[in-house]
PDB file of all heavy atoms in Angstrom:
ATOM      1  N   PRO A   1       0.827  -1.215   0.000  1.00  0.00           N
ATOM      2  CA  PRO A   1       0.000   0.000   0.000  1.00  0.00           C
ATOM      3  C   PRO A   1       0.857   1.258   0.000  1.00  0.00           C
ATOM      4  O   PRO A   1       1.983   1.269   0.497  1.00  0.00           O
ATOM      5  CB  PRO A   1      -0.792  -0.126   1.321  1.00  0.00           C
ATOM      6  CG  PRO A   1       0.086  -0.980   2.190  1.00  0.00           C
ATOM      7  CD  PRO A   1       0.733  -1.966   1.256  1.00  0.00           C
ATOM      8  N   ASN A   2       0.304   2.311  -0.573  1.00  0.00           N
ATOM      9  CA  ASN A   2       0.989   3.615  -0.628  1.00  0.00           C
ATOM     10  C   ASN A   2       2.359   3.509  -1.306  1.00  0.00           C
ATOM     11  O   ASN A   2       3.293   4.238  -0.955  1.00  0.00           O
ATOM     12  CB  ASN A   2       1.153   4.198   0.773  1.00  0.00           C
ATOM     13  CG  ASN A   2      -0.159   4.312   1.514  1.00  0.00           C
ATOM     14  OD1 ASN A   2      -1.168   4.721   0.944  1.00  0.00           O
ATOM     15  ND2 ASN A   2      -0.156   3.931   2.797  1.00  0.00           N
ATOM     16  N   ALA A   3       2.462   2.596  -2.251  1.00  0.00           N
ATOM     17  CA  ALA A   3       3.759   2.334  -2.889  1.00  0.00           C
ATOM     18  C   ALA A   3       4.297   3.548  -3.637  1.00  0.00           C
ATOM     19  O   ALA A   3       5.506   3.685  -3.800  1.00  0.00           O
ATOM     20  CB  ALA A   3       3.635   1.146  -3.846  1.00  0.00           C
ATOM     21  N   GLU A   4       3.411   4.437  -4.078  1.00  0.00           N
ATOM     22  CA  GLU A   4       3.864   5.577  -4.860  1.00  0.00           C
ATOM     23  C   GLU A   4       4.228   6.775  -3.991  1.00  0.00           C
ATOM     24  O   GLU A   4       4.669   7.802  -4.504  1.00  0.00           O
ATOM     25  CB  GLU A   4       2.783   5.956  -5.884  1.00  0.00           C
ATOM     26  CG  GLU A   4       2.532   4.864  -6.914  1.00  0.00           C
ATOM     27  CD  GLU A   4       1.509   5.271  -7.957  1.00  0.00           C
ATOM     28  OE1 GLU A   4       1.353   6.488  -8.176  1.00  0.00           O
ATOM     29  OE2 GLU A   4       0.877   4.393  -8.548  1.00  0.00           O
ATOM     30  N   GLN A   5       4.036   6.642  -2.689  1.00  0.00           N
ATOM     31  CA  GLN A   5       4.400   7.735  -1.793  1.00  0.00           C
ATOM     32  C   GLN A   5       5.857   7.600  -1.355  1.00  0.00           C
ATOM     33  O   GLN A   5       6.449   6.527  -1.391  1.00  0.00           O
ATOM     34  CB  GLN A   5       3.490   7.731  -0.565  1.00  0.00           C
ATOM     35  CG  GLN A   5       2.025   7.986  -0.881  1.00  0.00           C
ATOM     36  CD  GLN A   5       1.161   7.990   0.365  1.00  0.00           C
ATOM     37  OE1 GLN A   5       1.661   7.983   1.489  1.00  0.00           O
ATOM     38  NE2 GLN A   5      -0.148   7.995   0.175  1.00  0.00           N
ATOM     39  N   GLU A   6       6.418   8.706  -0.919  1.00  0.00           N
ATOM     40  CA  GLU A   6       7.794   8.699  -0.427  1.00  0.00           C
ATOM     41  C   GLU A   6       7.882   7.848   0.832  1.00  0.00           C
ATOM     42  O   GLU A   6       7.044   7.956   1.726  1.00  0.00           O
ATOM     43  CB  GLU A   6       8.232  10.137  -0.142  1.00  0.00           C
ATOM     44  CG  GLU A   6       9.713  10.308   0.061  1.00  0.00           C
ATOM     45  CD  GLU A   6      10.118  11.772   0.108  1.00  0.00           C
ATOM     46  OE1 GLU A   6       9.854  12.480  -0.887  1.00  0.00           O
ATOM     47  OE2 GLU A   6      10.683  12.198   1.131  1.00  0.00           O
ATOM     48  N   GLN A   7       8.886   6.991   0.898  1.00  0.00           N
ATOM     49  CA  GLN A   7       9.047   6.064   2.010  1.00  0.00           C
ATOM     50  C   GLN A   7      10.311   6.385   2.807  1.00  0.00           C
ATOM     51  O   GLN A   7      11.238   7.008   2.290  1.00  0.00           O
ATOM     52  CB  GLN A   7       9.144   4.622   1.485  1.00  0.00           C
ATOM     53  CG  GLN A   7       8.034   4.209   0.532  1.00  0.00           C
ATOM     54  CD  GLN A   7       6.702   4.015   1.230  1.00  0.00           C
ATOM     55  OE1 GLN A   7       6.655   3.555   2.368  1.00  0.00           O
ATOM     56  NE2 GLN A   7       5.618   4.367   0.556  1.00  0.00           N
ATOM     57  N   SER A   8      10.328   5.920   4.064  1.00  0.00           N
ATOM     58  CA  SER A   8      11.510   6.085   4.918  1.00  0.00           C
ATOM     59  C   SER A   8      12.167   4.741   5.151  1.00  0.00           C
ATOM     60  O   SER A   8      11.499   3.704   5.155  1.00  0.00           O
ATOM     61  CB  SER A   8      11.120   6.709   6.260  1.00  0.00           C
ATOM     62  OG  SER A   8      10.590   7.997   6.088  1.00  0.00           O
ATOM     63  N   ALA A   9      13.473   4.741   5.325  1.00  0.00           N
ATOM     64  CA  ALA A   9      14.201   3.503   5.565  1.00  0.00           C
ATOM     65  C   ALA A   9      15.482   3.797   6.343  1.00  0.00           C
ATOM     66  O   ALA A   9      15.962   4.927   6.368  1.00  0.00           O
ATOM     67  CB  ALA A   9      14.529   2.796   4.252  1.00  0.00           C
ATOM     68  N   ILE A  10      15.987   2.750   6.973  1.00  0.00           N
ATOM     69  CA  ILE A  10      17.257   2.837   7.693  1.00  0.00           C
ATOM     70  C   ILE A  10      18.138   1.682   7.225  1.00  0.00           C
ATOM     71  O   ILE A  10      17.714   0.529   7.248  1.00  0.00           O
ATOM     72  CB  ILE A  10      17.053   2.748   9.216  1.00  0.00           C
ATOM     73  CG1 ILE A  10      16.166   3.901   9.702  1.00  0.00           C
ATOM     74  CG2 ILE A  10      18.397   2.778   9.937  1.00  0.00           C
ATOM     75  CD1 ILE A  10      15.821   3.813  11.177  1.00  0.00           C
ATOM     76  N   SER A  11      19.337   1.998   6.782  1.00  0.00           N
ATOM     77  CA  SER A  11      20.257   0.970   6.293  1.00  0.00           C
ATOM     78  C   SER A  11      21.562   1.015   7.075  1.00  0.00           C
ATOM     79  O   SER A  11      22.060   2.085   7.420  1.00  0.00           O
ATOM     80  CB  SER A  11      20.567   1.167   4.798  1.00  0.00           C
ATOM     81  OG  SER A  11      19.442   0.895   3.999  1.00  0.00           O
ATOM     82  N   THR A  12      22.081  -0.181   7.340  1.00  0.00           N
ATOM     83  CA  THR A  12      23.416  -0.300   7.901  1.00  0.00           C
ATOM     84  C   THR A  12      24.377  -0.409   6.725  1.00  0.00           C
ATOM     85  O   THR A  12      24.221  -1.282   5.874  1.00  0.00           O
ATOM     86  CB  THR A  12      23.543  -1.550   8.789  1.00  0.00           C
ATOM     87  OG1 THR A  12      22.628  -1.427   9.885  1.00  0.00           O
ATOM     88  CG2 THR A  12      24.950  -1.690   9.339  1.00  0.00           C
ATOM     89  N   MET A  13      25.353   0.492   6.661  1.00  0.00           N
ATOM     90  CA  MET A  13      26.276   0.525   5.539  1.00  0.00           C
ATOM     91  C   MET A  13      27.698   0.281   6.009  1.00  0.00           C
ATOM     92  O   MET A  13      28.090   0.708   7.108  1.00  0.00           O
ATOM     93  CB  MET A  13      26.160   1.848   4.796  1.00  0.00           C
ATOM     94  CG  MET A  13      24.760   2.137   4.290  1.00  0.00           C
ATOM     95  SD  MET A  13      24.678   3.523   3.121  1.00  0.00           S
ATOM     96  CE  MET A  13      25.510   2.820   1.695  1.00  0.00           C
ATOM     97  N   VAL A  14      28.453  -0.409   5.181  1.00  0.00           N
ATOM     98  CA  VAL A  14      29.837  -0.739   5.517  1.00  0.00           C
ATOM     99  C   VAL A  14      30.750  -0.268   4.394  1.00  0.00           C
ATOM    100  O   VAL A  14      30.388  -0.319   3.214  1.00  0.00           O
ATOM    101  CB  VAL A  14      29.997  -2.252   5.762  1.00  0.00           C
ATOM    102  CG1 VAL A  14      29.637  -3.052   4.506  1.00  0.00           C
ATOM    103  CG2 VAL A  14      31.406  -2.591   6.223  1.00  0.00           C
ATOM    104  N   LEU A  15      31.926   0.199   4.771  1.00  0.00           N
ATOM    105  CA  LEU A  15      32.891   0.671   3.783  1.00  0.00           C
ATOM    106  C   LEU A  15      33.644  -0.509   3.188  1.00  0.00           C
ATOM    107  O   LEU A  15      34.221  -1.319   3.904  1.00  0.00           O
ATOM    108  CB  LEU A  15      33.878   1.646   4.431  1.00  0.00           C
ATOM    109  CG  LEU A  15      34.946   2.241   3.514  1.00  0.00           C
ATOM    110  CD1 LEU A  15      34.295   3.026   2.380  1.00  0.00           C
ATOM    111  CD2 LEU A  15      35.895   3.131   4.307  1.00  0.00           C
ATOM    112  N   THR A  16      33.615  -0.621   1.858  1.00  0.00           N
ATOM    113  CA  THR A  16      34.316  -1.690   1.146  1.00  0.00           C
ATOM    114  C   THR A  16      35.344  -1.059   0.205  1.00  0.00           C
ATOM    115  O   THR A  16      35.457   0.167   0.122  1.00  0.00           O
ATOM    116  CB  THR A  16      33.334  -2.540   0.318  1.00  0.00           C
ATOM    117  OG1 THR A  16      32.876  -1.760  -0.814  1.00  0.00           O
ATOM    118  CG2 THR A  16      32.123  -2.948   1.145  1.00  0.00           C
ATOM    119  N   ASN A  17      36.054  -1.910  -0.508  1.00  0.00           N
ATOM    120  CA  ASN A  17      37.029  -1.387  -1.473  1.00  0.00           C
ATOM    121  C   ASN A  17      36.349  -0.690  -2.643  1.00  0.00           C
ATOM    122  O   ASN A  17      36.987   0.033  -3.421  1.00  0.00           O
ATOM    123  CB  ASN A  17      37.918  -2.525  -1.989  1.00  0.00           C
ATOM    124  CG  ASN A  17      37.115  -3.565  -2.746  1.00  0.00           C
ATOM    125  OD1 ASN A  17      36.019  -3.939  -2.331  1.00  0.00           O
ATOM    126  ND2 ASN A  17      37.653  -4.052  -3.831  1.00  0.00           N
ATOM    127  N   LEU A  18      35.041  -0.871  -2.784  1.00  0.00           N
ATOM    128  CA  LEU A  18      34.273  -0.219  -3.848  1.00  0.00           C
ATOM    129  C   LEU A  18      33.521   0.998  -3.341  1.00  0.00           C
ATOM    130  O   LEU A  18      32.764   1.615  -4.089  1.00  0.00           O
ATOM    131  CB  LEU A  18      33.286  -1.222  -4.461  1.00  0.00           C
ATOM    132  CG  LEU A  18      33.894  -2.451  -5.129  1.00  0.00           C
ATOM    133  CD1 LEU A  18      32.795  -3.394  -5.602  1.00  0.00           C
ATOM    134  CD2 LEU A  18      34.788  -2.043  -6.286  1.00  0.00           C
ATOM    135  N   GLY A  19      33.708   1.333  -2.075  1.00  0.00           N
ATOM    136  CA  GLY A  19      32.974   2.440  -1.484  1.00  0.00           C
ATOM    137  C   GLY A  19      31.961   1.934  -0.475  1.00  0.00           C
ATOM    138  O   GLY A  19      32.023   0.789  -0.020  1.00  0.00           O
ATOM    139  N   TRP A  20      31.008   2.779  -0.120  1.00  0.00           N
ATOM    140  CA  TRP A  20      29.992   2.402   0.869  1.00  0.00           C
ATOM    141  C   TRP A  20      28.924   1.514   0.232  1.00  0.00           C
ATOM    142  O   TRP A  20      28.389   1.832  -0.815  1.00  0.00           O
ATOM    143  CB  TRP A  20      29.365   3.651   1.465  1.00  0.00           C
ATOM    144  CG  TRP A  20      30.304   4.377   2.371  1.00  0.00           C
ATOM    145  CD1 TRP A  20      31.120   5.419   2.044  1.00  0.00           C
ATOM    146  CD2 TRP A  20      30.541   4.101   3.755  1.00  0.00           C
ATOM    147  NE1 TRP A  20      31.869   5.804   3.133  1.00  0.00           N
ATOM    148  CE2 TRP A  20      31.531   5.023   4.207  1.00  0.00           C
ATOM    149  CE3 TRP A  20      30.030   3.175   4.661  1.00  0.00           C
ATOM    150  CZ2 TRP A  20      31.996   5.030   5.515  1.00  0.00           C
ATOM    151  CZ3 TRP A  20      30.493   3.191   5.964  1.00  0.00           C
ATOM    152  CH2 TRP A  20      31.466   4.102   6.388  1.00  0.00           C
ATOM    153  N   ARG A  21      28.617   0.389   0.909  1.00  0.00           N
ATOM    154  CA  ARG A  21      27.622  -0.546   0.416  1.00  0.00           C
ATOM    155  C   ARG A  21      26.646  -0.926   1.521  1.00  0.00           C
ATOM    156  O   ARG A  21      27.000  -0.955   2.702  1.00  0.00           O
ATOM    157  CB  ARG A  21      28.297  -1.824  -0.122  1.00  0.00           C
ATOM    158  CG  ARG A  21      29.103  -1.597  -1.388  1.00  0.00           C
ATOM    159  CD  ARG A  21      28.217  -1.242  -2.558  1.00  0.00           C
ATOM    160  NE  ARG A  21      28.938  -1.033  -3.800  1.00  0.00           N
ATOM    161  CZ  ARG A  21      29.340   0.145  -4.252  1.00  0.00           C
ATOM    162  NH1 ARG A  21      29.100   1.250  -3.528  1.00  0.00           N
ATOM    163  NH2 ARG A  21      29.973   0.251  -5.391  1.00  0.00           N
ATOM    164  N   VAL A  22      25.400  -1.199   1.131  1.00  0.00           N
ATOM    165  CA  VAL A  22      24.371  -1.578   2.093  1.00  0.00           C
ATOM    166  C   VAL A  22      24.646  -2.979   2.614  1.00  0.00           C
ATOM    167  O   VAL A  22      24.802  -3.924   1.842  1.00  0.00           O
ATOM    168  CB  VAL A  22      22.967  -1.514   1.446  1.00  0.00           C
ATOM    169  CG1 VAL A  22      21.922  -2.078   2.403  1.00  0.00           C
ATOM    170  CG2 VAL A  22      22.639  -0.085   1.053  1.00  0.00           C
ATOM    171  N   GLN A  23      24.676  -3.106   3.928  1.00  0.00           N
ATOM    172  CA  GLN A  23      24.867  -4.401   4.562  1.00  0.00           C
ATOM    173  C   GLN A  23      23.530  -4.984   5.026  1.00  0.00           C
ATOM    174  O   GLN A  23      23.296  -6.170   4.938  1.00  0.00           O
ATOM    175  CB  GLN A  23      25.809  -4.253   5.771  1.00  0.00           C
ATOM    176  CG  GLN A  23      26.221  -5.564   6.438  1.00  0.00           C
ATOM    177  CD  GLN A  23      27.192  -5.322   7.561  1.00  0.00           C
ATOM    178  OE1 GLN A  23      26.948  -4.496   8.437  1.00  0.00           O
ATOM    179  NE2 GLN A  23      28.302  -6.026   7.549  1.00  0.00           N
ATOM    180  N   TYR A  24      22.672  -4.092   5.504  1.00  0.00           N
ATOM    181  CA  TYR A  24      21.353  -4.522   6.007  1.00  0.00           C
ATOM    182  C   TYR A  24      20.406  -3.351   5.941  1.00  0.00           C
ATOM    183  O   TYR A  24      20.789  -2.210   6.227  1.00  0.00           O
ATOM    184  CB  TYR A  24      21.473  -5.019   7.442  1.00  0.00           C
ATOM    185  CG  TYR A  24      20.146  -5.307   8.103  1.00  0.00           C
ATOM    186  CD1 TYR A  24      19.430  -6.475   7.806  1.00  0.00           C
ATOM    187  CD2 TYR A  24      19.587  -4.417   9.011  1.00  0.00           C
ATOM    188  CE1 TYR A  24      18.209  -6.737   8.399  1.00  0.00           C
ATOM    189  CE2 TYR A  24      18.349  -4.676   9.607  1.00  0.00           C
ATOM    190  CZ  TYR A  24      17.668  -5.830   9.289  1.00  0.00           C
ATOM    191  OH  TYR A  24      16.453  -6.078   9.873  1.00  0.00           O
ATOM    192  N   THR A  25      19.154  -3.612   5.560  1.00  0.00           N
ATOM    193  CA  THR A  25      18.142  -2.566   5.498  1.00  0.00           C
ATOM    194  C   THR A  25      16.966  -2.943   6.382  1.00  0.00           C
ATOM    195  O   THR A  25      16.377  -4.014   6.220  1.00  0.00           O
ATOM    196  CB  THR A  25      17.654  -2.339   4.054  1.00  0.00           C
ATOM    197  OG1 THR A  25      18.764  -1.919   3.253  1.00  0.00           O
ATOM    198  CG2 THR A  25      16.574  -1.281   4.001  1.00  0.00           C
TER     199      THR A  25
END
């Protein structure tokens, strides 16, 4: 529901050799 509305999220990010990547959302 409400898929077209702006959503909020929190992600755990880790620094890798390619830059910052999502580890868990």
